[in-house]
Amino acid sequence: MILDNRGLEPPQPMMRTLAALETLPKGETLTIINDRRPMFLYEQLDELGYLYETKESEDGSFEITITKG
């Protein structure tokens, strides 16, 4: 599943991401695309036990792949 959060004002990207993760089956991945690095989201992901990888794109956006463990 891919969730494009570009153009949204905080906290919308984080709220959309957390809502999508609630419905994500265990072992599946969610890829989000954000305008900025989601620092507060990382704290939530750590607390919830998700694995994630961040890549910065050439256009300055960030692609974060999150795996539900």
C-alpha atoms as a PDB file:
ATOM      1  CA  MET A   1       0.000   0.000   0.000  1.00  0.00           C
ATOM      2  CA  ILE A   2       1.286   3.485  -0.852  1.00  0.00           C
ATOM      3  CA  LEU A   3       0.078   6.624   0.900  1.00  0.00           C
ATOM      4  CA  ASP A   4       1.045   9.972  -0.623  1.00  0.00           C
ATOM      5  CA  ASN A   5       0.974  12.600   2.145  1.00  0.00           C
ATOM      6  CA  ARG A   6       2.646  15.387   0.162  1.00  0.00           C
ATOM      7  CA  GLY A   7       0.935  18.756   0.336  1.00  0.00           C
ATOM      8  CA  LEU A   8      -0.783  18.051   3.666  1.00  0.00           C
ATOM      9  CA  GLU A   9      -0.210  20.164   6.767  1.00  0.00           C
ATOM     10  CA  PRO A  10       0.795  18.517  10.049  1.00  0.00           C
ATOM     11  CA  PRO A  11      -0.600  16.555  11.782  1.00  0.00           C
ATOM     12  CA  GLN A  12      -2.541  15.159   8.790  1.00  0.00           C
ATOM     13  CA  PRO A  13       0.310  13.006   7.368  1.00  0.00           C
ATOM     14  CA  MET A  14       0.884  11.326  10.739  1.00  0.00           C
ATOM     15  CA  MET A  15      -2.832  10.808  11.391  1.00  0.00           C
ATOM     16  CA  ARG A  16      -3.385   9.284   7.927  1.00  0.00           C
ATOM     17  CA  THR A  17      -0.354   7.039   8.346  1.00  0.00           C
ATOM     18  CA  LEU A  18      -1.362   5.737  11.782  1.00  0.00           C
ATOM     19  CA  ALA A  19      -4.928   5.097  10.562  1.00  0.00           C
ATOM     20  CA  ALA A  20      -3.615   3.127   7.571  1.00  0.00           C
ATOM     21  CA  LEU A  21      -1.288   1.098   9.796  1.00  0.00           C
ATOM     22  CA  GLU A  22      -4.231   0.016  11.970  1.00  0.00           C
ATOM     23  CA  THR A  23      -5.778  -1.797   8.986  1.00  0.00           C
ATOM     24  CA  LEU A  24      -2.487  -3.177   7.645  1.00  0.00           C
ATOM     25  CA  PRO A  25      -2.194  -6.969   8.002  1.00  0.00           C
ATOM     26  CA  LYS A  26       0.758  -8.302  10.005  1.00  0.00           C
ATOM     27  CA  GLY A  27       3.862  -8.782   7.856  1.00  0.00           C
ATOM     28  CA  GLU A  28       2.667  -6.322   5.199  1.00  0.00           C
ATOM     29  CA  THR A  29       4.298  -3.006   4.318  1.00  0.00           C
ATOM     30  CA  LEU A  30       3.029   0.540   3.950  1.00  0.00           C
ATOM     31  CA  THR A  31       5.024   3.093   1.977  1.00  0.00           C
ATOM     32  CA  ILE A  32       4.364   6.741   2.738  1.00  0.00           C
ATOM     33  CA  ILE A  33       5.634   9.770   0.841  1.00  0.00           C
ATOM     34  CA  ASN A  34       6.019  12.951   2.892  1.00  0.00           C
ATOM     35  CA  ASP A  35       7.236  16.471   2.180  1.00  0.00           C
ATOM     36  CA  ARG A  36       9.460  16.360   5.270  1.00  0.00           C
ATOM     37  CA  ARG A  37      11.086  13.773   7.538  1.00  0.00           C
ATOM     38  CA  PRO A  38       8.337  12.589   9.965  1.00  0.00           C
ATOM     39  CA  MET A  39      10.257  12.902  13.245  1.00  0.00           C
ATOM     40  CA  PHE A  40       7.232  12.492  15.541  1.00  0.00           C
ATOM     41  CA  LEU A  41       6.004   9.503  13.548  1.00  0.00           C
ATOM     42  CA  TYR A  42       9.279   7.657  14.208  1.00  0.00           C
ATOM     43  CA  GLU A  43       8.627   7.851  17.959  1.00  0.00           C
ATOM     44  CA  GLN A  44       5.169   6.331  17.473  1.00  0.00           C
ATOM     45  CA  LEU A  45       6.507   3.577  15.212  1.00  0.00           C
ATOM     46  CA  ASP A  46       9.184   2.674  17.762  1.00  0.00           C
ATOM     47  CA  GLU A  47       6.595   2.480  20.554  1.00  0.00           C
ATOM     48  CA  LEU A  48       4.287   0.308  18.427  1.00  0.00           C
ATOM     49  CA  GLY A  49       7.082  -2.033  17.323  1.00  0.00           C
ATOM     50  CA  TYR A  50       7.067  -1.263  13.590  1.00  0.00           C
ATOM     51  CA  LEU A  51      10.176  -1.546  11.435  1.00  0.00           C
ATOM     52  CA  TYR A  52      10.859   1.267   8.993  1.00  0.00           C
ATOM     53  CA  GLU A  53      13.325   2.502   6.422  1.00  0.00           C
ATOM     54  CA  THR A  54      13.622   6.086   5.187  1.00  0.00           C
ATOM     55  CA  LYS A  55      14.915   7.255   1.808  1.00  0.00           C
ATOM     56  CA  GLU A  56      15.246  10.878   0.748  1.00  0.00           C
ATOM     57  CA  SER A  57      14.179  11.489  -2.846  1.00  0.00           C
ATOM     58  CA  GLU A  58      15.886  13.856  -5.278  1.00  0.00           C
ATOM     59  CA  ASP A  59      12.937  16.272  -5.037  1.00  0.00           C
ATOM     60  CA  GLY A  60      13.448  16.610  -1.260  1.00  0.00           C
ATOM     61  CA  SER A  61      10.511  14.423  -0.251  1.00  0.00           C
ATOM     62  CA  PHE A  62      10.897  11.369   1.962  1.00  0.00           C
ATOM     63  CA  GLU A  63       9.747   7.826   1.270  1.00  0.00           C
ATOM     64  CA  ILE A  64       9.278   5.710   4.376  1.00  0.00           C
ATOM     65  CA  THR A  65       8.585   2.001   4.102  1.00  0.00           C
ATOM     66  CA  ILE A  66       6.953   0.655   7.268  1.00  0.00           C
ATOM     67  CA  THR A  67       6.581  -3.046   8.046  1.00  0.00           C
ATOM     68  CA  LYS A  68       4.031  -4.299  10.537  1.00  0.00           C
ATOM     69  CA  GLY A  69       5.713  -6.970  12.626  1.00  0.00           C
END
